[in-house]
Amino acid sequence: MKPAPFTSDFMLLDVKNGRAKLAKQIEAGGKVDVWIKATIEGAGGVGRDDGVSIEFAAQVHSVKVGSGR
């Protein structure tokens, strides 16, 4: 793999299984390091270009927990 030709410092993740446990952990001040493998797809961005960023939809293939590199 090579570095992406774009940058991001924010992402939304739609959580289905395990959402209640994750919500409790985050509400209690916890943090969870995750590695996400996803494919950005669709006809362009989900949002409009606001001059700072554009939101894109992605199909998530896997989410792994841990701080490994």
Protein backbone atom coordinates (compact mmCIF):
# COMPACT_ATOMS: atom_id res chain seq x y z
CA MET A 1 0.00 0.00 0.00
CA LYS A 2 1.05 3.58 -0.57
CA PRO A 3 -0.04 6.80 1.15
CA ALA A 4 -3.28 8.30 -0.18
CA PRO A 5 -3.11 11.42 -2.34
CA PHE A 6 -5.71 13.02 -0.05
CA THR A 7 -6.04 13.74 3.68
CA SER A 8 -8.82 13.51 6.26
CA ASP A 9 -9.04 14.18 9.97
CA PHE A 10 -12.71 13.28 10.55
CA MET A 11 -14.98 10.29 9.80
CA LEU A 12 -18.44 9.06 10.73
CA LEU A 13 -18.92 5.32 11.29
CA ASP A 14 -22.39 3.73 11.30
CA VAL A 15 -22.16 1.01 13.98
CA LYS A 16 -24.68 -1.86 14.01
CA ASN A 17 -23.54 -4.86 16.06
CA GLY A 18 -22.00 -3.92 19.42
CA ARG A 19 -23.29 -0.34 19.28
CA ALA A 20 -24.74 -0.30 22.81
CA LYS A 21 -21.50 -1.52 24.40
CA LEU A 22 -19.44 0.92 22.33
CA ALA A 23 -21.78 3.81 23.21
CA LYS A 24 -21.44 3.07 26.95
CA GLN A 25 -17.66 2.94 26.68
CA ILE A 26 -17.48 6.26 24.83
CA GLU A 27 -20.03 7.93 27.14
CA ALA A 28 -17.87 6.89 30.09
CA GLY A 29 -14.97 8.81 28.57
CA GLY A 30 -13.33 5.84 26.90
CA LYS A 31 -11.55 5.77 23.57
CA VAL A 32 -11.25 2.93 21.07
CA ASP A 33 -8.45 2.81 18.50
CA VAL A 34 -9.66 1.20 15.27
CA TRP A 35 -8.24 0.36 11.85
CA ILE A 36 -10.83 0.50 9.10
CA LYS A 37 -10.61 -1.02 5.63
CA ALA A 38 -13.20 0.56 3.33
CA THR A 39 -13.89 1.44 -0.29
CA ILE A 40 -15.02 4.95 -1.18
CA GLU A 41 -17.68 4.57 -3.83
CA GLY A 42 -20.73 6.13 -5.36
CA ALA A 43 -21.34 8.97 -7.76
CA GLY A 44 -19.20 11.70 -6.22
CA GLY A 45 -19.41 13.00 -2.70
CA VAL A 46 -22.34 12.67 -0.34
CA GLY A 47 -22.06 16.31 0.66
CA ARG A 48 -21.18 19.48 -1.16
CA ASP A 49 -17.80 21.14 -1.17
CA ASP A 50 -18.03 23.73 1.62
CA GLY A 51 -14.62 25.16 0.80
CA VAL A 52 -12.96 22.96 3.42
CA SER A 53 -14.05 19.38 2.71
CA ILE A 54 -16.47 17.03 0.93
CA GLU A 55 -18.06 14.01 2.66
CA PHE A 56 -17.88 10.69 0.79
CA ALA A 57 -19.74 7.41 1.27
CA ALA A 58 -17.74 4.23 1.78
CA GLN A 59 -18.44 0.53 2.07
CA VAL A 60 -16.70 -0.78 5.20
CA HIS A 61 -15.00 -4.16 4.71
CA SER A 62 -13.52 -4.60 8.17
CA VAL A 63 -12.96 -2.81 11.46
CA LYS A 64 -10.17 -3.97 13.74
CA VAL A 65 -9.65 -2.84 17.32
CA GLY A 66 -6.19 -2.01 18.57
CA SER A 67 -3.44 0.54 18.34
CA GLY A 68 -1.13 -1.55 16.15
CA ARG A 69 0.56 0.03 13.17
